[in-house]
Amino acid sequence: QVTLVESGGGLVQAGASLTLSCVASGRGFSSYTMGWFRQAPGKERELVGWINGIGSSMHYEDSVKGRFTISRRNTRNTMYLQMNSLKPEDTAVYFCAASWSGLSYDTWGQGTQVTVSL
């Protein structure tokens, strides 16, 4: 079991870049598929993308494909979300999550707010 803490959120202007971090404590980080999710005000939480345990495979939702990049550094128990060309519609609370099975996410962070202004 791991616990997750996100950081790096903030207020930026449209077109800017921001990098979020998700630090895991506990054993076995490299065994987990890790995902980034987001929840905008009044909307359901949605998947942004995920990365497999060794960082060899990633998936992105169409809304962020080509703008966001997920990476991980297992020696630091950390996953990253590099966000470029941010748009106001990217405004949301961003969560990281860990999946042992690869089928469902078992552990969630507390979230970090990202606000993109015009």
C-alpha atoms as a PDB file:
ATOM      1  CA  GLN A   1       0.000   0.000   0.000  1.00  0.00           C
ATOM      2  CA  VAL A   2       1.230   3.491  -0.846  1.00  0.00           C
ATOM      3  CA  THR A   3       0.107   6.953   0.107  1.00  0.00           C
ATOM      4  CA  LEU A   4       0.186   9.750  -2.448  1.00  0.00           C
ATOM      5  CA  VAL A   5       0.796  13.489  -2.223  1.00  0.00           C
ATOM      6  CA  GLU A   6       0.400  15.828  -5.190  1.00  0.00           C
ATOM      7  CA  SER A   7       2.057  19.212  -5.547  1.00  0.00           C
ATOM      8  CA  GLY A   8       2.804  21.836  -8.156  1.00  0.00           C
ATOM      9  CA  GLY A   9      -0.624  23.282  -8.827  1.00  0.00           C
ATOM     10  CA  GLY A  10      -1.245  26.987  -9.164  1.00  0.00           C
ATOM     11  CA  LEU A  11      -2.717  29.854 -11.140  1.00  0.00           C
ATOM     12  CA  VAL A  12      -1.341  30.379 -14.645  1.00  0.00           C
ATOM     13  CA  GLN A  13      -2.362  32.160 -17.811  1.00  0.00           C
ATOM     14  CA  ALA A  14      -3.585  30.374 -20.907  1.00  0.00           C
ATOM     15  CA  GLY A  15      -0.697  29.058 -22.976  1.00  0.00           C
ATOM     16  CA  ALA A  16       1.572  28.580 -19.983  1.00  0.00           C
ATOM     17  CA  SER A  17       3.130  25.380 -18.710  1.00  0.00           C
ATOM     18  CA  LEU A  18       2.979  23.698 -15.332  1.00  0.00           C
ATOM     19  CA  THR A  19       4.395  20.480 -13.912  1.00  0.00           C
ATOM     20  CA  LEU A  20       2.621  18.494 -11.230  1.00  0.00           C
ATOM     21  CA  SER A  21       4.350  15.946  -9.036  1.00  0.00           C
ATOM     22  CA  CYS A  22       2.952  12.962  -7.188  1.00  0.00           C
ATOM     23  CA  VAL A  23       5.161  11.504  -4.487  1.00  0.00           C
ATOM     24  CA  ALA A  24       4.424   8.056  -3.122  1.00  0.00           C
ATOM     25  CA  SER A  25       5.410   6.732   0.250  1.00  0.00           C
ATOM     26  CA  GLY A  26       5.460   3.023   0.945  1.00  0.00           C
ATOM     27  CA  ARG A  27       6.864   0.034  -0.852  1.00  0.00           C
ATOM     28  CA  GLY A  28       6.461  -1.226  -4.333  1.00  0.00           C
ATOM     29  CA  PHE A  29       5.963   2.011  -6.243  1.00  0.00           C
ATOM     30  CA  SER A  30       7.340   0.539  -9.447  1.00  0.00           C
ATOM     31  CA  SER A  31       4.699  -2.196  -9.301  1.00  0.00           C
ATOM     32  CA  TYR A  32       1.843   0.266  -9.605  1.00  0.00           C
ATOM     33  CA  THR A  33       0.237   1.662 -12.689  1.00  0.00           C
ATOM     34  CA  MET A  34      -0.164   5.352 -11.909  1.00  0.00           C
ATOM     35  CA  GLY A  35      -2.835   7.662 -13.208  1.00  0.00           C
ATOM     36  CA  TRP A  36      -3.652  11.344 -13.307  1.00  0.00           C
ATOM     37  CA  PHE A  37      -7.268  12.413 -12.997  1.00  0.00           C
ATOM     38  CA  ARG A  38      -8.958  15.787 -12.792  1.00  0.00           C
ATOM     39  CA  GLN A  39     -12.250  17.180 -11.593  1.00  0.00           C
ATOM     40  CA  ALA A  40     -13.570  20.516 -12.735  1.00  0.00           C
ATOM     41  CA  PRO A  41     -16.243  22.402 -10.767  1.00  0.00           C
ATOM     42  CA  GLY A  42     -19.625  20.822 -11.277  1.00  0.00           C
ATOM     43  CA  LYS A  43     -18.227  17.940 -13.306  1.00  0.00           C
ATOM     44  CA  GLU A  44     -17.335  14.344 -12.629  1.00  0.00           C
ATOM     45  CA  ARG A  45     -13.752  13.270 -12.126  1.00  0.00           C
ATOM     46  CA  GLU A  46     -12.163  12.235 -15.405  1.00  0.00           C
ATOM     47  CA  LEU A  47      -9.059  10.385 -16.450  1.00  0.00           C
ATOM     48  CA  VAL A  48      -6.219  12.468 -17.856  1.00  0.00           C
ATOM     49  CA  GLY A  49      -3.836   9.601 -18.522  1.00  0.00           C
ATOM     50  CA  TRP A  50      -1.793   6.803 -17.013  1.00  0.00           C
ATOM     51  CA  ILE A  51       1.669   5.281 -17.050  1.00  0.00           C
ATOM     52  CA  ASN A  52       2.637   1.678 -16.398  1.00  0.00           C
ATOM     53  CA  GLY A  53       4.976   0.577 -13.632  1.00  0.00           C
ATOM     54  CA  ILE A  54       8.226   0.746 -15.532  1.00  0.00           C
ATOM     55  CA  GLY A  55       7.265   3.819 -17.515  1.00  0.00           C
ATOM     56  CA  SER A  56       7.308   2.108 -20.884  1.00  0.00           C
ATOM     57  CA  SER A  57       3.664   2.647 -21.762  1.00  0.00           C
ATOM     58  CA  MET A  58       1.457   5.703 -21.417  1.00  0.00           C
ATOM     59  CA  HIS A  59      -2.092   6.606 -22.357  1.00  0.00           C
ATOM     60  CA  TYR A  60      -3.627  10.058 -22.738  1.00  0.00           C
ATOM     61  CA  GLU A  61      -7.198  11.186 -23.161  1.00  0.00           C
ATOM     62  CA  ASP A  62      -7.897  13.055 -26.375  1.00  0.00           C
ATOM     63  CA  SER A  63      -8.471  16.318 -24.530  1.00  0.00           C
ATOM     64  CA  VAL A  64      -4.821  16.473 -23.425  1.00  0.00           C
ATOM     65  CA  LYS A  65      -3.020  14.415 -26.069  1.00  0.00           C
ATOM     66  CA  GLY A  66      -0.076  16.309 -27.515  1.00  0.00           C
ATOM     67  CA  ARG A  67      -0.078  18.858 -24.682  1.00  0.00           C
ATOM     68  CA  PHE A  68       0.413  16.776 -21.523  1.00  0.00           C
ATOM     69  CA  THR A  69       3.156  14.279 -20.764  1.00  0.00           C
ATOM     70  CA  ILE A  70       3.193  11.742 -17.944  1.00  0.00           C
ATOM     71  CA  SER A  71       6.491  10.394 -16.674  1.00  0.00           C
ATOM     72  CA  ARG A  72       7.801   8.710 -13.565  1.00  0.00           C
ATOM     73  CA  ARG A  73      11.074   8.281 -11.712  1.00  0.00           C
ATOM     74  CA  ASN A  74      10.787   5.123  -9.693  1.00  0.00           C
ATOM     75  CA  THR A  75      14.046   5.744  -7.837  1.00  0.00           C
ATOM     76  CA  ARG A  76      12.337   8.809  -6.373  1.00  0.00           C
ATOM     77  CA  ASN A  77       8.880   7.251  -5.983  1.00  0.00           C
ATOM     78  CA  THR A  78       7.559  10.136  -8.067  1.00  0.00           C
ATOM     79  CA  MET A  79       5.260  10.576 -11.031  1.00  0.00           C
ATOM     80  CA  TYR A  80       4.997  13.795 -13.028  1.00  0.00           C
ATOM     81  CA  LEU A  81       2.454  15.517 -15.229  1.00  0.00           C
ATOM     82  CA  GLN A  82       3.993  18.051 -17.575  1.00  0.00           C
ATOM     83  CA  MET A  83       1.248  20.319 -18.882  1.00  0.00           C
ATOM     84  CA  ASN A  84       1.940  22.612 -21.824  1.00  0.00           C
ATOM     85  CA  SER A  85      -0.280  25.011 -23.766  1.00  0.00           C
ATOM     86  CA  LEU A  86      -2.731  25.149 -20.902  1.00  0.00           C
ATOM     87  CA  LYS A  87      -6.287  26.198 -21.631  1.00  0.00           C
ATOM     88  CA  PRO A  88      -8.992  27.580 -19.329  1.00  0.00           C
ATOM     89  CA  GLU A  89     -10.844  24.289 -19.720  1.00  0.00           C
ATOM     90  CA  ASP A  90      -7.905  22.541 -18.038  1.00  0.00           C
ATOM     91  CA  THR A  91      -8.910  24.250 -14.796  1.00  0.00           C
ATOM     92  CA  ALA A  92      -9.589  21.515 -12.244  1.00  0.00           C
ATOM     93  CA  VAL A  93      -8.369  19.764  -9.157  1.00  0.00           C
ATOM     94  CA  TYR A  94      -5.797  17.235 -10.315  1.00  0.00           C
ATOM     95  CA  PHE A  95      -5.434  13.911  -8.534  1.00  0.00           C
ATOM     96  CA  CYS A  96      -2.911  11.142  -8.831  1.00  0.00           C
ATOM     97  CA  ALA A  97      -3.901   7.547  -8.167  1.00  0.00           C
ATOM     98  CA  ALA A  98      -2.239   4.161  -7.908  1.00  0.00           C
ATOM     99  CA  SER A  99      -3.459   0.889  -9.325  1.00  0.00           C
ATOM    100  CA  TRP A 100      -2.044  -2.468  -8.257  1.00  0.00           C
ATOM    101  CA  SER A 101      -4.169  -4.552 -10.605  1.00  0.00           C
ATOM    102  CA  GLY A 102      -4.199  -2.172 -13.527  1.00  0.00           C
ATOM    103  CA  LEU A 103      -7.975  -2.476 -13.550  1.00  0.00           C
ATOM    104  CA  SER A 104      -9.009  -0.093 -10.790  1.00  0.00           C
ATOM    105  CA  TYR A 105      -7.350   2.630  -8.784  1.00  0.00           C
ATOM    106  CA  ASP A 106      -6.964   1.795  -5.131  1.00  0.00           C
ATOM    107  CA  THR A 107      -5.189   4.765  -3.635  1.00  0.00           C
ATOM    108  CA  TRP A 108      -5.724   8.469  -4.258  1.00  0.00           C
ATOM    109  CA  GLY A 109      -3.943  11.659  -3.376  1.00  0.00           C
ATOM    110  CA  GLN A 110      -5.660  14.695  -1.917  1.00  0.00           C
ATOM    111  CA  GLY A 111      -5.484  16.709  -5.134  1.00  0.00           C
ATOM    112  CA  THR A 112      -3.869  19.938  -6.250  1.00  0.00           C
ATOM    113  CA  GLN A 113      -5.701  22.889  -7.811  1.00  0.00           C
ATOM    114  CA  VAL A 114      -4.794  24.077 -11.285  1.00  0.00           C
ATOM    115  CA  THR A 115      -6.427  27.280 -12.493  1.00  0.00           C
ATOM    116  CA  VAL A 116      -5.872  28.609 -15.995  1.00  0.00           C
ATOM    117  CA  SER A 117      -6.976  32.162 -16.699  1.00  0.00           C
ATOM    118  CA  LEU A 118      -7.521  33.873 -20.033  1.00  0.00           C
END
